[in-house]
Structure formats: structure tokens, C-alpha cells
Amino acid sequence: MSSCPHIAVGRILALVLNLAASFAAGYFIQPLISGNNDAINTIVTVFSILAGFLIAVITFIGDPGPRDWKDLQLNKKSVEARLWRHRTLFHFYLMTLGLALAMFVVPEEYVVITIWLERAFVGLACFVFLASFTLPQSLMALQLDRYSSAIDDQLPNALKPSDDHKNDESD
């Protein structure tokens, strides 16, 4: 049996569990928000704030800071993956807000459509809320990477590995 090193089993398991919890929440919690404008407005407010925060995170991740081209090239794929995940999360935030708007726009006589919009709203809100718990870890990893890079850049030559400066003494 061959293993694929590029597949993150933990992430896949977390995604499956998140989806299961979100589907269950959409189905079972929907009656609690049906007609409850305060609950809907609270969720809309939270996701509006999270969307603004996520834009700041995307901007922060996209700024390479003072790094040399080698570090930038080595970290390009990682930064692209982070930006893609955060952009997708941002789009899910907007979809959640769009579903909330749709729930208010659909006429009251379309009960079945309203119920399914509410289920989708609660399910998607649960999914993106749980997915948002990865943001602090992502930011921390980025900051630690930048910190390590800054240390490496400022490290005195005498403390750097000898492979980097083999010919320093021959000059």
C-alpha cells in the first residue's frame, strides 16, 4: 500500500467531521432560528466582522515582508495554499450573508423554500464558524516563519552553518 505524502489525513478527517456537524446543525437547529430575527441578525453581525477580519488576514499573508528572493520562492506554494484557503473561507462568509438576505427576501407563502434556506444558512454558518478556528494557527505559523527568517538573516556569519560560507577565509 503506497502512501501519498501530500495528502493531509488530519485535514480530511477534520473536513468530514465539520461537514457532518454542519449538516446536523442545519437540520436540527433550523427550527431555533426560524422566525427568530435576533438570532439571524447576531449571526449576520458575527460573519460581517469575521469577513472584515479575514480580509486583514489575507492582506497580512500576502505581504512577504523583508525577505530575499530565495525564501520567497521556497515559500511561494505554501503562501498560495494559505491564500487560497482564506479566500475560499471569505467566499463562504459572503455566501452565509447571502443566504441570510435570501431568507428575508423570500415571501412568507414559500414555506418549504424558507425552511431549506434556513437549513442551508445554519449549516453553512456552522461549517465556516468551525473552519475559522484554523485562522489563529495559520497566523501563528506565518509569524513564526517570518520570525525564524528574520533571525536567520541577522545571524552573525560566525554562527551560520559552514556550508554557506566555505570560501569566506580564502579571500
Protein backbone atom coordinates (compact mmCIF):
# COMPACT_ATOMS: atom_id res chain seq x y z
CA MET A 1 0.00 0.00 0.00
CA SER A 2 1.56 3.28 -1.07
CA SER A 3 1.06 6.42 0.92
CA CYS A 4 0.70 9.89 -0.56
CA PRO A 5 2.77 12.34 1.49
CA HIS A 6 0.93 15.36 0.08
CA ILE A 7 -2.45 14.26 1.45
CA ALA A 8 -3.14 15.63 4.92
CA VAL A 9 -5.22 12.93 6.56
CA GLY A 10 -5.91 15.11 9.61
CA ARG A 11 -7.33 17.89 7.44
CA ILE A 12 -9.53 15.46 5.54
CA LEU A 13 -10.84 13.97 8.79
CA ALA A 14 -11.49 17.47 10.18
CA LEU A 15 -13.34 18.41 6.98
CA VAL A 16 -15.54 15.29 7.15
CA LEU A 17 -16.35 15.90 10.83
CA ASN A 18 -17.06 19.57 10.13
CA LEU A 19 -19.39 18.66 7.26
CA ALA A 20 -21.24 16.08 9.39
CA ALA A 21 -21.68 18.57 12.25
CA SER A 22 -22.82 21.26 9.82
CA PHE A 23 -25.42 19.06 8.14
CA ALA A 24 -26.74 18.00 11.56
CA ALA A 25 -26.81 21.62 12.76
CA GLY A 26 -28.62 22.73 9.61
CA TYR A 27 -31.30 20.13 10.09
CA PHE A 28 -31.76 20.18 13.87
CA ILE A 29 -31.03 23.83 14.72
CA GLN A 30 -33.08 25.33 11.87
CA PRO A 31 -36.28 25.38 13.98
CA LEU A 32 -34.48 27.54 16.56
CA ILE A 33 -33.71 30.31 14.07
CA SER A 34 -36.94 30.10 12.06
CA GLY A 35 -38.62 33.46 12.54
CA ASN A 36 -36.01 34.49 15.13
CA ASN A 37 -34.72 37.74 13.64
CA ASP A 38 -32.47 38.43 16.63
CA ALA A 39 -30.61 35.14 16.15
CA ILE A 40 -30.27 35.73 12.41
CA ASN A 41 -29.04 39.30 12.94
CA THR A 42 -26.49 38.10 15.50
CA ILE A 43 -25.11 35.53 13.06
CA VAL A 44 -25.03 38.13 10.27
CA THR A 45 -23.15 40.56 12.54
CA VAL A 46 -20.61 37.92 13.55
CA PHE A 47 -19.92 36.90 9.95
CA SER A 48 -19.67 40.51 8.81
CA ILE A 49 -16.97 41.05 11.44
CA LEU A 50 -15.22 37.78 10.53
CA ALA A 51 -15.25 38.74 6.83
CA GLY A 52 -13.54 42.05 7.63
CA PHE A 53 -11.01 40.30 9.84
CA LEU A 54 -10.30 37.74 7.13
CA ILE A 55 -9.55 40.46 4.59
CA ALA A 56 -6.94 41.80 7.02
CA VAL A 57 -5.50 38.27 7.39
CA ILE A 58 -5.33 37.82 3.60
CA THR A 59 -3.54 41.16 3.30
CA PHE A 60 -1.14 40.18 6.07
CA ILE A 61 -0.36 36.78 4.50
CA GLY A 62 0.10 38.34 1.06
CA ASP A 63 2.74 40.76 2.34
CA PRO A 64 6.07 38.94 2.09
CA GLY A 65 7.90 41.35 4.37
CA PRO A 66 11.66 41.86 4.14
CA ARG A 67 12.84 38.53 2.68
CA ASP A 68 15.27 37.56 0.00
CA TRP A 69 14.16 36.02 -3.28
CA LYS A 70 15.24 32.51 -2.25
CA ASP A 71 12.96 32.50 0.81
CA LEU A 72 10.13 33.97 -1.23
CA GLN A 73 10.50 31.29 -3.90
CA LEU A 74 10.74 28.46 -1.36
CA ASN A 75 7.60 29.61 0.47
CA LYS A 76 5.55 30.53 -2.61
CA LYS A 77 3.47 27.32 -2.72
CA SER A 78 2.72 27.48 1.00
CA VAL A 79 1.62 31.12 0.78
CA GLU A 80 -0.51 30.37 -2.29
CA ALA A 81 -2.22 27.49 -0.45
CA ARG A 82 -2.91 29.66 2.60
CA LEU A 83 -4.27 32.48 0.47
CA TRP A 84 -6.49 30.07 -1.46
CA ARG A 85 -7.92 28.58 1.77
CA HIS A 86 -8.55 32.03 3.26
CA ARG A 87 -10.12 33.34 0.06
CA THR A 88 -12.43 30.31 -0.03
CA LEU A 89 -13.37 30.89 3.61
CA PHE A 90 -14.11 34.54 2.78
CA HIS A 91 -16.41 33.45 -0.05
CA PHE A 92 -18.21 31.11 2.37
CA TYR A 93 -18.69 34.06 4.75
CA LEU A 94 -20.27 36.01 1.91
CA MET A 95 -22.46 33.05 0.94
CA THR A 96 -23.68 32.84 4.56
CA LEU A 97 -24.60 36.52 4.45
CA GLY A 98 -26.29 35.99 1.07
CA LEU A 99 -28.41 33.16 2.47
CA ALA A 100 -29.48 35.42 5.34
CA LEU A 101 -30.56 38.03 2.82
CA ALA A 102 -32.41 35.42 0.77
CA MET A 103 -34.33 34.29 3.87
CA PHE A 104 -35.68 37.82 4.32
CA VAL A 105 -36.47 38.31 0.64
CA VAL A 106 -38.45 35.10 0.02
CA PRO A 107 -42.19 35.72 0.53
CA GLU A 108 -43.78 34.09 3.59
CA GLU A 109 -46.03 31.85 1.48
CA TYR A 110 -43.00 29.88 0.23
CA VAL A 111 -42.62 27.93 3.46
CA VAL A 112 -40.66 24.98 2.06
CA ILE A 113 -38.14 27.25 0.33
CA THR A 114 -37.74 29.29 3.51
CA ILE A 115 -37.12 26.15 5.60
CA TRP A 116 -34.41 24.94 3.20
CA LEU A 117 -32.81 28.39 3.07
CA GLU A 118 -32.74 28.43 6.87
CA ARG A 119 -31.21 24.94 6.96
CA ALA A 120 -28.58 25.96 4.41
CA PHE A 121 -27.92 29.17 6.38
CA VAL A 122 -27.43 27.37 9.70
CA GLY A 123 -25.40 24.57 8.12
CA LEU A 124 -23.09 26.92 6.24
CA ALA A 125 -22.76 29.21 9.27
CA CYS A 126 -21.74 26.23 11.39
CA PHE A 127 -19.29 25.00 8.74
CA VAL A 128 -17.48 28.31 8.30
CA PHE A 129 -17.52 29.04 12.01
CA LEU A 130 -15.78 25.73 12.74
CA ALA A 131 -13.40 26.27 9.80
CA SER A 132 -12.49 29.67 11.24
CA PHE A 133 -10.80 28.01 14.22
CA THR A 134 -7.81 27.32 11.93
CA LEU A 135 -7.15 31.06 11.44
CA PRO A 136 -5.14 31.64 14.63
CA GLN A 137 -2.93 28.61 13.90
CA SER A 138 -2.33 29.85 10.36
CA LEU A 139 -1.38 33.32 11.57
CA MET A 140 0.87 31.91 14.27
CA ALA A 141 2.69 29.66 11.79
CA LEU A 142 3.17 32.60 9.43
CA GLN A 143 4.56 34.83 12.19
CA LEU A 144 6.90 32.10 13.46
CA ASP A 145 8.15 31.55 9.91
CA ARG A 146 8.80 35.28 9.50
CA TYR A 147 10.49 35.42 12.89
CA SER A 148 12.78 32.48 12.02
CA SER A 149 13.61 34.08 8.68
CA ALA A 150 14.50 37.36 10.40
CA ILE A 151 16.74 35.53 12.87
CA ASP A 152 18.49 33.70 10.01
CA ASP A 153 19.02 36.98 8.15
CA GLN A 154 20.56 38.68 11.18
CA LEU A 155 22.60 35.74 12.40
CA PRO A 156 26.32 36.60 12.51
CA ASN A 157 28.41 34.78 9.89
CA ALA A 158 30.40 33.04 12.61
CA LEU A 159 27.22 31.32 13.81
CA LYS A 160 25.92 30.34 10.36
CA PRO A 161 26.45 26.78 9.10
CA SER A 162 29.84 26.35 7.47
CA ASP A 163 28.33 25.11 4.18
CA ASP A 164 27.04 28.61 3.44
CA HIS A 165 30.45 30.29 3.83
CA LYS A 166 33.12 27.78 2.82
CA ASN A 167 35.19 30.25 0.82
CA ASP A 168 34.99 33.24 3.20
CA GLU A 169 38.50 32.68 4.53
CA SER A 170 40.16 32.05 1.16
CA ASP A 171 39.70 35.68 0.03
